């Protein structure tokens, strides 16, 4: 499951943020005692907390050029994640990768044209 939670334009890039199903168990990401872990799992199972893997994708003209991921995200809502500094870091990481991909493609195009 891939749920779109935000879109934004950054210069020429379209940036999309998604929530994906997280395969990791919270016990593998956080140091909780047994009672706190059971409470956390209960809240996740009831839908009071969202447990997900965040993916940010940078596109140019509909072509995905950069990705960034963060697992073990646990928030009351997906939107809460958007106000966290991690989201901005992921956007920058995806944009950096997109720019590097464009540079590499330009090098390839130059080599092919020669």
PDB file of N, CA and C in Angstrom:
ATOM      1  N   UNK A   1       0.840  -1.167   0.000  1.00  0.00           N
ATOM      2  CA  UNK A   1       0.000   0.000   0.000  1.00  0.00           C
ATOM      3  C   UNK A   1       0.896   1.244   0.000  1.00  0.00           C
ATOM      4  N   UNK A   2       0.630   2.156  -0.897  1.00  0.00           N
ATOM      5  CA  UNK A   2       1.379   3.401  -1.026  1.00  0.00           C
ATOM      6  C   UNK A   2       0.365   4.536  -0.958  1.00  0.00           C
ATOM      7  N   UNK A   3       0.398   5.301   0.127  1.00  0.00           N
ATOM      8  CA  UNK A   3      -0.561   6.370   0.352  1.00  0.00           C
ATOM      9  C   UNK A   3       0.126   7.715   0.156  1.00  0.00           C
ATOM     10  N   UNK A   4      -0.386   8.520  -0.764  1.00  0.00           N
ATOM     11  CA  UNK A   4       0.142   9.856  -0.984  1.00  0.00           C
ATOM     12  C   UNK A   4      -0.272  10.745   0.184  1.00  0.00           C
ATOM     13  N   UNK A   5       0.718  11.398   0.812  1.00  0.00           N
ATOM     14  CA  UNK A   5       0.371  12.269   1.936  1.00  0.00           C
ATOM     15  C   UNK A   5       0.708  13.733   1.677  1.00  0.00           C
ATOM     16  N   UNK A   6       1.512  14.023   0.650  1.00  0.00           N
ATOM     17  CA  UNK A   6       1.816  15.426   0.345  1.00  0.00           C
ATOM     18  C   UNK A   6       2.472  15.542  -1.020  1.00  0.00           C
ATOM     19  N   UNK A   7       2.270  16.700  -1.636  1.00  0.00           N
ATOM     20  CA  UNK A   7       2.991  17.055  -2.858  1.00  0.00           C
ATOM     21  C   UNK A   7       3.464  18.489  -2.729  1.00  0.00           C
ATOM     22  N   UNK A   8       4.517  18.786  -3.436  1.00  0.00           N
ATOM     23  CA  UNK A   8       5.087  20.137  -3.391  1.00  0.00           C
ATOM     24  C   UNK A   8       5.955  20.307  -4.629  1.00  0.00           C
ATOM     25  N   UNK A   9       6.028  21.517  -5.133  1.00  0.00           N
ATOM     26  CA  UNK A   9       6.964  21.846  -6.200  1.00  0.00           C
ATOM     27  C   UNK A   9       8.167  22.543  -5.590  1.00  0.00           C
ATOM     28  N   UNK A  10       9.345  22.097  -5.985  1.00  0.00           N
ATOM     29  CA  UNK A  10      10.593  22.708  -5.545  1.00  0.00           C
ATOM     30  C   UNK A  10      11.387  22.995  -6.811  1.00  0.00           C
ATOM     31  N   UNK A  11      11.405  24.257  -7.216  1.00  0.00           N
ATOM     32  CA  UNK A  11      12.035  24.592  -8.489  1.00  0.00           C
ATOM     33  C   UNK A  11      11.338  23.820  -9.592  1.00  0.00           C
ATOM     34  N   UNK A  12      12.100  23.174 -10.460  1.00  0.00           N
ATOM     35  CA  UNK A  12      11.477  22.427 -11.562  1.00  0.00           C
ATOM     36  C   UNK A  12      10.959  21.044 -11.159  1.00  0.00           C
ATOM     37  N   UNK A  13      11.210  20.648  -9.924  1.00  0.00           N
ATOM     38  CA  UNK A  13      10.872  19.301  -9.477  1.00  0.00           C
ATOM     39  C   UNK A  13       9.506  19.241  -8.794  1.00  0.00           C
ATOM     40  N   UNK A  14       8.800  18.161  -9.058  1.00  0.00           N
ATOM     41  CA  UNK A  14       7.595  17.823  -8.295  1.00  0.00           C
ATOM     42  C   UNK A  14       8.034  16.813  -7.245  1.00  0.00           C
ATOM     43  N   UNK A  15       7.706  17.087  -6.003  1.00  0.00           N
ATOM     44  CA  UNK A  15       8.111  16.215  -4.900  1.00  0.00           C
ATOM     45  C   UNK A  15       6.851  15.626  -4.271  1.00  0.00           C
ATOM     46  N   UNK A  16       6.830  14.311  -4.155  1.00  0.00           N
ATOM     47  CA  UNK A  16       5.690  13.620  -3.555  1.00  0.00           C
ATOM     48  C   UNK A  16       6.173  12.831  -2.336  1.00  0.00           C
ATOM     49  N   UNK A  17       5.375  12.866  -1.286  1.00  0.00           N
ATOM     50  CA  UNK A  17       5.675  12.108  -0.072  1.00  0.00           C
ATOM     51  C   UNK A  17       4.610  11.041   0.100  1.00  0.00           C
ATOM     52  N   UNK A  18       5.059   9.822   0.322  1.00  0.00           N
ATOM     53  CA  UNK A  18       4.177   8.680   0.469  1.00  0.00           C
ATOM     54  C   UNK A  18       4.407   7.995   1.809  1.00  0.00           C
ATOM     55  N   UNK A  19       3.374   7.334   2.295  1.00  0.00           N
ATOM     56  CA  UNK A  19       3.484   6.424   3.432  1.00  0.00           C
ATOM     57  C   UNK A  19       3.300   5.016   2.876  1.00  0.00           C
ATOM     58  N   UNK A  20       4.243   4.143   3.183  1.00  0.00           N
ATOM     59  CA  UNK A  20       4.182   2.747   2.756  1.00  0.00           C
ATOM     60  C   UNK A  20       4.076   1.855   3.985  1.00  0.00           C
ATOM     61  N   UNK A  21       3.609   0.642   3.785  1.00  0.00           N
ATOM     62  CA  UNK A  21       3.538  -0.305   4.895  1.00  0.00           C
ATOM     63  C   UNK A  21       4.942  -0.580   5.410  1.00  0.00           C
ATOM     64  N   UNK A  22       5.087  -0.542   6.715  1.00  0.00           N
ATOM     65  CA  UNK A  22       6.376  -0.803   7.360  1.00  0.00           C
ATOM     66  C   UNK A  22       6.451  -2.264   7.746  1.00  0.00           C
ATOM     67  N   UNK A  23       7.485  -2.955   7.257  1.00  0.00           N
ATOM     68  CA  UNK A  23       7.677  -4.373   7.573  1.00  0.00           C
ATOM     69  C   UNK A  23       8.311  -4.579   8.946  1.00  0.00           C
ATOM     70  N   UNK A  24       9.046  -3.592   9.419  1.00  0.00           N
ATOM     71  CA  UNK A  24       9.689  -3.721  10.726  1.00  0.00           C
ATOM     72  C   UNK A  24       8.660  -3.647  11.847  1.00  0.00           C
ATOM     73  N   UNK A  25       8.921  -4.361  12.897  1.00  0.00           N
ATOM     74  CA  UNK A  25       8.090  -4.304  14.090  1.00  0.00           C
ATOM     75  C   UNK A  25       8.621  -3.174  14.972  1.00  0.00           C
ATOM     76  N   UNK A  26       7.754  -2.432  15.654  1.00  0.00           N
ATOM     77  CA  UNK A  26       8.236  -1.347  16.522  1.00  0.00           C
ATOM     78  C   UNK A  26       9.292  -1.783  17.542  1.00  0.00           C
ATOM     79  N   UNK A  27       9.243  -3.028  17.992  1.00  0.00           N
ATOM     80  CA  UNK A  27      10.239  -3.487  18.964  1.00  0.00           C
ATOM     81  C   UNK A  27      11.642  -3.499  18.367  1.00  0.00           C
ATOM     82  N   UNK A  28      11.724  -3.530  17.015  1.00  0.00           N
ATOM     83  CA  UNK A  28      13.023  -3.504  16.343  1.00  0.00           C
ATOM     84  C   UNK A  28      13.544  -2.090  16.132  1.00  0.00           C
ATOM     85  N   UNK A  29      12.714  -1.103  16.435  1.00  0.00           N
ATOM     86  CA  UNK A  29      13.091   0.294  16.204  1.00  0.00           C
ATOM     87  C   UNK A  29      13.188   1.123  17.476  1.00  0.00           C
ATOM     88  N   UNK A  30      12.468   0.713  18.496  1.00  0.00           N
ATOM     89  CA  UNK A  30      12.403   1.497  19.725  1.00  0.00           C
ATOM     90  C   UNK A  30      12.715   0.614  20.920  1.00  0.00           C
ATOM     91  N   UNK A  31      13.243   1.233  21.963  1.00  0.00           N
ATOM     92  CA  UNK A  31      13.584   0.506  23.184  1.00  0.00           C
ATOM     93  C   UNK A  31      12.477   0.726  24.213  1.00  0.00           C
ATOM     94  N   UNK A  32      11.447  -0.113  24.152  1.00  0.00           N
ATOM     95  CA  UNK A  32      10.305  -0.029  25.065  1.00  0.00           C
ATOM     96  C   UNK A  32      10.313  -1.217  26.009  1.00  0.00           C
ATOM     97  N   UNK A  33       9.789  -0.993  27.223  1.00  0.00           N
ATOM     98  CA  UNK A  33       9.557  -2.160  28.061  1.00  0.00           C
ATOM     99  C   UNK A  33       8.296  -2.849  27.546  1.00  0.00           C
ATOM    100  N   UNK A  34       8.031  -4.029  28.002  1.00  0.00           N
ATOM    101  CA  UNK A  34       6.941  -4.863  27.458  1.00  0.00           C
ATOM    102  C   UNK A  34       5.575  -4.174  27.535  1.00  0.00           C
ATOM    103  N   UNK A  35       5.265  -3.540  28.664  1.00  0.00           N
ATOM    104  CA  UNK A  35       3.960  -2.876  28.809  1.00  0.00           C
ATOM    105  C   UNK A  35       3.810  -1.711  27.833  1.00  0.00           C
ATOM    106  N   UNK A  36       4.870  -0.901  27.704  1.00  0.00           N
ATOM    107  CA  UNK A  36       4.814   0.228  26.777  1.00  0.00           C
ATOM    108  C   UNK A  36       4.707  -0.246  25.333  1.00  0.00           C
ATOM    109  N   UNK A  37       5.399  -1.321  25.011  1.00  0.00           N
ATOM    110  CA  UNK A  37       5.333  -1.877  23.663  1.00  0.00           C
ATOM    111  C   UNK A  37       3.925  -2.382  23.354  1.00  0.00           C
ATOM    112  N   UNK A  38       3.306  -3.060  24.329  1.00  0.00           N
ATOM    113  CA  UNK A  38       1.935  -3.542  24.132  1.00  0.00           C
ATOM    114  C   UNK A  38       0.971  -2.373  23.939  1.00  0.00           C
ATOM    115  N   UNK A  39       1.169  -1.306  24.707  1.00  0.00           N
ATOM    116  CA  UNK A  39       0.326  -0.111  24.564  1.00  0.00           C
ATOM    117  C   UNK A  39       0.524   0.515  23.180  1.00  0.00           C
ATOM    118  N   UNK A  40       1.767   0.622  22.743  1.00  0.00           N
ATOM    119  CA  UNK A  40       2.068   1.170  21.419  1.00  0.00           C
ATOM    120  C   UNK A  40       1.411   0.332  20.325  1.00  0.00           C
ATOM    121  N   UNK A  41       1.555  -0.976  20.411  1.00  0.00           N
ATOM    122  CA  UNK A  41       0.972  -1.864  19.393  1.00  0.00           C
ATOM    123  C   UNK A  41      -0.546  -1.765  19.386  1.00  0.00           C
ATOM    124  N   UNK A  42      -1.139  -1.623  20.562  1.00  0.00           N
ATOM    125  CA  UNK A  42      -2.585  -1.470  20.646  1.00  0.00           C
ATOM    126  C   UNK A  42      -3.024  -0.194  19.929  1.00  0.00           C
ATOM    127  N   UNK A  43      -2.298   0.896  20.142  1.00  0.00           N
ATOM    128  CA  UNK A  43      -2.631   2.167  19.487  1.00  0.00           C
ATOM    129  C   UNK A  43      -2.453   2.078  17.971  1.00  0.00           C
ATOM    130  N   UNK A  44      -1.421   1.393  17.532  1.00  0.00           N
ATOM    131  CA  UNK A  44      -1.213   1.206  16.090  1.00  0.00           C
ATOM    132  C   UNK A  44      -2.337   0.357  15.512  1.00  0.00           C
ATOM    133  N   UNK A  45      -2.664  -0.730  16.175  1.00  0.00           N
ATOM    134  CA  UNK A  45      -3.715  -1.631  15.678  1.00  0.00           C
ATOM    135  C   UNK A  45      -5.095  -0.968  15.667  1.00  0.00           C
ATOM    136  N   UNK A  46      -5.351  -0.065  16.617  1.00  0.00           N
ATOM    137  CA  UNK A  46      -6.636   0.657  16.652  1.00  0.00           C
ATOM    138  C   UNK A  46      -6.677   1.798  15.639  1.00  0.00           C
ATOM    139  N   UNK A  47      -5.515   2.184  15.111  1.00  0.00           N
ATOM    140  CA  UNK A  47      -5.452   3.301  14.180  1.00  0.00           C
ATOM    141  C   UNK A  47      -5.239   4.640  14.865  1.00  0.00           C
ATOM    142  N   UNK A  48      -4.947   4.619  16.169  1.00  0.00           N
ATOM    143  CA  UNK A  48      -4.672   5.862  16.890  1.00  0.00           C
ATOM    144  C   UNK A  48      -3.287   6.407  16.539  1.00  0.00           C
ATOM    145  N   UNK A  49      -2.392   5.526  16.112  1.00  0.00           N
ATOM    146  CA  UNK A  49      -1.062   5.901  15.649  1.00  0.00           C
ATOM    147  C   UNK A  49      -0.831   5.288  14.273  1.00  0.00           C
ATOM    148  N   UNK A  50      -0.113   6.024  13.431  1.00  0.00           N
ATOM    149  CA  UNK A  50       0.263   5.519  12.108  1.00  0.00           C
ATOM    150  C   UNK A  50       1.683   4.983  12.182  1.00  0.00           C
ATOM    151  N   UNK A  51       1.889   3.762  11.702  1.00  0.00           N
ATOM    152  CA  UNK A  51       3.198   3.115  11.685  1.00  0.00           C
ATOM    153  C   UNK A  51       3.526   2.878  10.215  1.00  0.00           C
ATOM    154  N   UNK A  52       4.588   3.545   9.707  1.00  0.00           N
ATOM    155  CA  UNK A  52       4.819   3.486   8.267  1.00  0.00           C
ATOM    156  C   UNK A  52       6.272   3.731   7.899  1.00  0.00           C
ATOM    157  N   UNK A  53       6.564   3.450   6.647  1.00  0.00           N
ATOM    158  CA  UNK A  53       7.828   3.763   6.004  1.00  0.00           C
ATOM    159  C   UNK A  53       7.553   4.972   5.118  1.00  0.00           C
ATOM    160  N   UNK A  54       8.301   6.054   5.317  1.00  0.00           N
ATOM    161  CA  UNK A  54       8.110   7.257   4.508  1.00  0.00           C
ATOM    162  C   UNK A  54       8.989   7.177   3.263  1.00  0.00           C
ATOM    163  N   UNK A  55       8.417   7.575   2.135  1.00  0.00           N
ATOM    164  CA  UNK A  55       9.152   7.643   0.875  1.00  0.00           C
ATOM    165  C   UNK A  55       8.910   9.024   0.270  1.00  0.00           C
ATOM    166  N   UNK A  56       9.986   9.679  -0.138  1.00  0.00           N
ATOM    167  CA  UNK A  56       9.882  10.950  -0.844  1.00  0.00           C
ATOM    168  C   UNK A  56      10.471  10.734  -2.231  1.00  0.00           C
ATOM    169  N   UNK A  57       9.728  11.188  -3.243  1.00  0.00           N
ATOM    170  CA  UNK A  57      10.120  11.005  -4.633  1.00  0.00           C
ATOM    171  C   UNK A  57      10.215  12.377  -5.301  1.00  0.00           C
ATOM    172  N   UNK A  58      11.348  12.621  -5.965  1.00  0.00           N
ATOM    173  CA  UNK A  58      11.525  13.841  -6.746  1.00  0.00           C
ATOM    174  C   UNK A  58      11.399  13.485  -8.223  1.00  0.00           C
ATOM    175  N   UNK A  59      10.505  14.203  -8.920  1.00  0.00           N
ATOM    176  CA  UNK A  59      10.242  13.936 -10.335  1.00  0.00           C
ATOM    177  C   UNK A  59      10.474  15.194 -11.161  1.00  0.00           C
ATOM    178  N   UNK A  60      10.787  14.970 -12.413  1.00  0.00           N
ATOM    179  CA  UNK A  60      10.876  16.046 -13.386  1.00  0.00           C
ATOM    180  C   UNK A  60      10.132  15.571 -14.624  1.00  0.00           C
ATOM    181  N   UNK A  61       9.124  16.304 -15.021  1.00  0.00           N
ATOM    182  CA  UNK A  61       8.279  15.920 -16.164  1.00  0.00           C
ATOM    183  C   UNK A  61       7.746  14.494 -16.009  1.00  0.00           C
ATOM    184  N   UNK A  62       7.385  14.120 -14.784  1.00  0.00           N
ATOM    185  CA  UNK A  62       6.797  12.807 -14.531  1.00  0.00           C
ATOM    186  C   UNK A  62       7.793  11.666 -14.436  1.00  0.00           C
ATOM    187  N   UNK A  63       9.073  11.960 -14.552  1.00  0.00           N
ATOM    188  CA  UNK A  63      10.117  10.928 -14.472  1.00  0.00           C
ATOM    189  C   UNK A  63      10.716  10.949 -13.069  1.00  0.00           C
ATOM    190  N   UNK A  64      10.651   9.816 -12.385  1.00  0.00           N
ATOM    191  CA  UNK A  64      11.214   9.722 -11.031  1.00  0.00           C
ATOM    192  C   UNK A  64      12.737   9.685 -11.120  1.00  0.00           C
ATOM    193  N   UNK A  65      13.370  10.668 -10.507  1.00  0.00           N
ATOM    194  CA  UNK A  65      14.822  10.795 -10.579  1.00  0.00           C
ATOM    195  C   UNK A  65      15.514  10.642  -9.233  1.00  0.00           C
ATOM    196  N   UNK A  66      14.793  10.858  -8.150  1.00  0.00           N
ATOM    197  CA  UNK A  66      15.399  10.775  -6.830  1.00  0.00           C
ATOM    198  C   UNK A  66      14.422  10.236  -5.808  1.00  0.00           C
ATOM    199  N   UNK A  67      14.945   9.443  -4.875  1.00  0.00           N
ATOM    200  CA  UNK A  67      14.137   8.838  -3.814  1.00  0.00           C
ATOM    201  C   UNK A  67      14.866   8.981  -2.485  1.00  0.00           C
ATOM    202  N   UNK A  68      14.097   9.033  -1.423  1.00  0.00           N
ATOM    203  CA  UNK A  68      14.644   8.982  -0.066  1.00  0.00           C
ATOM    204  C   UNK A  68      13.626   8.253   0.808  1.00  0.00           C
ATOM    205  N   UNK A  69      14.124   7.500   1.778  1.00  0.00           N
ATOM    206  CA  UNK A  69      13.265   6.662   2.616  1.00  0.00           C
ATOM    207  C   UNK A  69      13.631   6.832   4.089  1.00  0.00           C
ATOM    208  N   UNK A  70      12.618   6.682   4.934  1.00  0.00           N
ATOM    209  CA  UNK A  70      12.832   6.629   6.382  1.00  0.00           C
ATOM    210  C   UNK A  70      11.838   5.643   6.965  1.00  0.00           C
ATOM    211  N   UNK A  71      12.364   4.605   7.577  1.00  0.00           N
ATOM    212  CA  UNK A  71      11.512   3.584   8.181  1.00  0.00           C
ATOM    213  C   UNK A  71      11.254   3.868   9.645  1.00  0.00           C
ATOM    214  N   UNK A  72      10.321   3.127  10.199  1.00  0.00           N
ATOM    215  CA  UNK A  72      10.011   3.222  11.622  1.00  0.00           C
ATOM    216  C   UNK A  72       9.349   4.519  12.019  1.00  0.00           C
ATOM    217  N   UNK A  73       8.537   5.073  11.131  1.00  0.00           N
ATOM    218  CA  UNK A  73       7.834   6.327  11.437  1.00  0.00           C
ATOM    219  C   UNK A  73       6.577   6.020  12.236  1.00  0.00           C
ATOM    220  N   UNK A  74       6.394   6.716  13.343  1.00  0.00           N
ATOM    221  CA  UNK A  74       5.239   6.511  14.205  1.00  0.00           C
ATOM    222  C   UNK A  74       4.701   7.872  14.627  1.00  0.00           C
ATOM    223  N   UNK A  75       3.521   8.213  14.102  1.00  0.00           N
ATOM    224  CA  UNK A  75       2.905   9.516  14.346  1.00  0.00           C
ATOM    225  C   UNK A  75       1.408   9.338  14.535  1.00  0.00           C
ATOM    226  N   UNK A  76       0.796  10.322  15.168  1.00  0.00           N
ATOM    227  CA  UNK A  76      -0.656  10.296  15.332  1.00  0.00           C
ATOM    228  C   UNK A  76      -1.367  10.358  13.991  1.00  0.00           C
ATOM    229  N   UNK A  77      -0.827  11.148  13.073  1.00  0.00           N
ATOM    230  CA  UNK A  77      -1.369  11.240  11.711  1.00  0.00           C
ATOM    231  C   UNK A  77      -0.193  11.328  10.747  1.00  0.00           C
ATOM    232  N   UNK A  78      -0.457  11.026   9.484  1.00  0.00           N
ATOM    233  CA  UNK A  78       0.583  11.182   8.475  1.00  0.00           C
ATOM    234  C   UNK A  78       1.021  12.644   8.382  1.00  0.00           C
ATOM    235  N   UNK A  79       0.063  13.554   8.558  1.00  0.00           N
ATOM    236  CA  UNK A  79       0.361  14.977   8.437  1.00  0.00           C
ATOM    237  C   UNK A  79       1.342  15.455   9.497  1.00  0.00           C
ATOM    238  N   UNK A  80       1.337  14.834  10.674  1.00  0.00           N
ATOM    239  CA  UNK A  80       2.308  15.202  11.710  1.00  0.00           C
ATOM    240  C   UNK A  80       3.736  14.984  11.229  1.00  0.00           C
ATOM    241  N   UNK A  81       3.927  13.958  10.439  1.00  0.00           N
ATOM    242  CA  UNK A  81       5.255  13.679   9.886  1.00  0.00           C
ATOM    243  C   UNK A  81       5.748  14.845   9.035  1.00  0.00           C
ATOM    244  N   UNK A  82       4.821  15.506   8.343  1.00  0.00           N
ATOM    245  CA  UNK A  82       5.193  16.592   7.433  1.00  0.00           C
ATOM    246  C   UNK A  82       5.784  17.793   8.161  1.00  0.00           C
ATOM    247  N   UNK A  83       5.490  17.939   9.442  1.00  0.00           N
ATOM    248  CA  UNK A  83       6.001  19.073  10.201  1.00  0.00           C
ATOM    249  C   UNK A  83       7.280  18.725  10.953  1.00  0.00           C
ATOM    250  N   UNK A  84       7.709  17.493  10.837  1.00  0.00           N
ATOM    251  CA  UNK A  84       8.907  17.014  11.505  1.00  0.00           C
ATOM    252  C   UNK A  84      10.121  17.322  10.624  1.00  0.00           C
ATOM    253  N   UNK A  85      11.226  17.608  11.208  1.00  0.00           N
ATOM    254  CA  UNK A  85      12.442  17.896  10.444  1.00  0.00           C
ATOM    255  C   UNK A  85      12.887  16.757   9.545  1.00  0.00           C
ATOM    256  N   UNK A  86      12.501  15.536   9.894  1.00  0.00           N
ATOM    257  CA  UNK A  86      12.869  14.391   9.056  1.00  0.00           C
ATOM    258  C   UNK A  86      12.312  14.536   7.645  1.00  0.00           C
ATOM    259  N   UNK A  87      11.107  15.067   7.533  1.00  0.00           N
ATOM    260  CA  UNK A  87      10.483  15.210   6.216  1.00  0.00           C
ATOM    261  C   UNK A  87      11.304  16.140   5.335  1.00  0.00           C
ATOM    262  N   UNK A  88      11.713  17.270   5.878  1.00  0.00           N
ATOM    263  CA  UNK A  88      12.520  18.217   5.099  1.00  0.00           C
ATOM    264  C   UNK A  88      13.859  17.592   4.700  1.00  0.00           C
ATOM    265  N   UNK A  89      14.457  16.810   5.602  1.00  0.00           N
ATOM    266  CA  UNK A  89      15.706  16.120   5.276  1.00  0.00           C
ATOM    267  C   UNK A  89      15.513  15.147   4.115  1.00  0.00           C
ATOM    268  N   UNK A  90      14.404  14.419   4.129  1.00  0.00           N
ATOM    269  CA  UNK A  90      14.131  13.468   3.050  1.00  0.00           C
ATOM    270  C   UNK A  90      13.924  14.186   1.722  1.00  0.00           C
ATOM    271  N   UNK A  91      13.253  15.333   1.760  1.00  0.00           N
ATOM    272  CA  UNK A  91      13.063  16.110   0.528  1.00  0.00           C
ATOM    273  C   UNK A  91      14.412  16.510  -0.049  1.00  0.00           C
ATOM    274  N   UNK A  92      15.296  17.027   0.787  1.00  0.00           N
ATOM    275  CA  UNK A  92      16.624  17.430   0.312  1.00  0.00           C
ATOM    276  C   UNK A  92      17.402  16.233  -0.236  1.00  0.00           C
ATOM    277  N   UNK A  93      17.295  15.093   0.440  1.00  0.00           N
ATOM    278  CA  UNK A  93      17.994  13.887  -0.016  1.00  0.00           C
ATOM    279  C   UNK A  93      17.472  13.446  -1.385  1.00  0.00           C
ATOM    280  N   UNK A  94      16.161  13.442  -1.575  1.00  0.00           N
ATOM    281  CA  UNK A  94      15.573  13.048  -2.855  1.00  0.00           C
ATOM    282  C   UNK A  94      15.957  14.037  -3.955  1.00  0.00           C
ATOM    283  N   UNK A  95      15.959  15.335  -3.640  1.00  0.00           N
ATOM    284  CA  UNK A  95      16.350  16.343  -4.630  1.00  0.00           C
ATOM    285  C   UNK A  95      17.826  16.224  -4.995  1.00  0.00           C
ATOM    286  N   UNK A  96      18.679  15.970  -4.018  1.00  0.00           N
ATOM    287  CA  UNK A  96      20.105  15.765  -4.294  1.00  0.00           C
ATOM    288  C   UNK A  96      20.300  14.587  -5.242  1.00  0.00           C
ATOM    289  N   UNK A  97      19.599  13.491  -4.964  1.00  0.00           N
ATOM    290  CA  UNK A  97      19.711  12.313  -5.832  1.00  0.00           C
ATOM    291  C   UNK A  97      19.189  12.631  -7.232  1.00  0.00           C
ATOM    292  N   UNK A  98      18.105  13.381  -7.329  1.00  0.00           N
ATOM    293  CA  UNK A  98      17.542  13.741  -8.633  1.00  0.00           C
ATOM    294  C   UNK A  98      18.541  14.581  -9.432  1.00  0.00           C
ATOM    295  N   UNK A  99      19.172  15.525  -8.783  1.00  0.00           N
ATOM    296  CA  UNK A  99      20.165  16.363  -9.476  1.00  0.00           C
ATOM    297  C   UNK A  99      21.365  15.543  -9.942  1.00  0.00           C
ATOM    298  N   UNK A 100      21.817  14.618  -9.110  1.00  0.00           N
ATOM    299  CA  UNK A 100      22.927  13.741  -9.507  1.00  0.00           C
ATOM    300  C   UNK A 100      22.522  12.856 -10.673  1.00  0.00           C
ATOM    301  N   UNK A 101      21.295  12.367 -10.656  1.00  0.00           N
ATOM    302  CA  UNK A 101      20.806  11.543 -11.766  1.00  0.00           C
ATOM    303  C   UNK A 101      20.776  12.358 -13.049  1.00  0.00           C
ATOM    304  N   UNK A 102      20.309  13.596 -12.978  1.00  0.00           N
ATOM    305  CA  UNK A 102      20.294  14.464 -14.163  1.00  0.00           C
ATOM    306  C   UNK A 102      21.708  14.719 -14.677  1.00  0.00           C
ATOM    307  N   UNK A 103      22.648  14.970 -13.775  1.00  0.00           N
ATOM    308  CA  UNK A 103      24.032  15.182 -14.184  1.00  0.00           C
ATOM    309  C   UNK A 103      24.587  13.951 -14.890  1.00  0.00           C
ATOM    310  N   UNK A 104      24.298  12.789 -14.335  1.00  0.00           N
ATOM    311  CA  UNK A 104      24.784  11.530 -14.936  1.00  0.00           C
ATOM    312  C   UNK A 104      24.154  11.311 -16.305  1.00  0.00           C
ATOM    313  N   UNK A 105      22.864  11.595 -16.427  1.00  0.00           N
ATOM    314  CA  UNK A 105      22.200  11.446 -17.718  1.00  0.00           C
ATOM    315  C   UNK A 105      22.769  12.425 -18.744  1.00  0.00           C
ATOM    316  N   UNK A 106      23.112  13.628 -18.325  1.00  0.00           N
ATOM    317  CA  UNK A 106      23.723  14.592 -19.230  1.00  0.00           C
ATOM    318  C   UNK A 106      25.083  14.102 -19.707  1.00  0.00           C
ATOM    319  N   UNK A 107      25.862  13.492 -18.800  1.00  0.00           N
ATOM    320  CA  UNK A 107      27.158  12.915 -19.191  1.00  0.00           C
ATOM    321  C   UNK A 107      26.967  11.808 -20.209  1.00  0.00           C
ATOM    322  N   UNK A 108      26.004  10.954 -19.978  1.00  0.00           N
ATOM    323  CA  UNK A 108      25.722   9.851 -20.908  1.00  0.00           C
ATOM    324  C   UNK A 108      25.304  10.391 -22.264  1.00  0.00           C
ATOM    325  N   UNK A 109      24.416  11.385 -22.254  1.00  0.00           N
ATOM    326  CA  UNK A 109      23.944  11.979 -23.510  1.00  0.00           C
ATOM    327  C   UNK A 109      25.106  12.599 -24.269  1.00  0.00           C
ATOM    328  N   UNK A 110      26.016  13.270 -23.563  1.00  0.00           N
ATOM    329  CA  UNK A 110      27.178  13.884 -24.205  1.00  0.00           C
ATOM    330  C   UNK A 110      28.071  12.816 -24.827  1.00  0.00           C
ATOM    331  N   UNK A 111      28.273  11.716 -24.098  1.00  0.00           N
ATOM    332  CA  UNK A 111      29.104  10.617 -24.609  1.00  0.00           C
ATOM    333  C   UNK A 111      28.471   9.995 -25.857  1.00  0.00           C
ATOM    334  N   UNK A 112      27.155   9.814 -25.828  1.00  0.00           N
ATOM    335  CA  UNK A 112      26.477   9.215 -26.974  1.00  0.00           C
ATOM    336  C   UNK A 112      26.496  10.128 -28.194  1.00  0.00           C
ATOM    337  N   UNK A 113      26.486  11.439 -27.947  1.00  0.00           N
ATOM    338  CA  UNK A 113      26.474  12.403 -29.051  1.00  0.00           C
ATOM    339  C   UNK A 113      27.857  12.544 -29.703  1.00  0.00           C
ATOM    340  N   UNK A 114      28.897  12.167 -28.985  1.00  0.00           N
ATOM    341  CA  UNK A 114      30.257  12.332 -29.502  1.00  0.00           C
ATOM    342  C   UNK A 114      30.607  11.316 -30.561  1.00  0.00           C
TER     343      UNK A 114
END
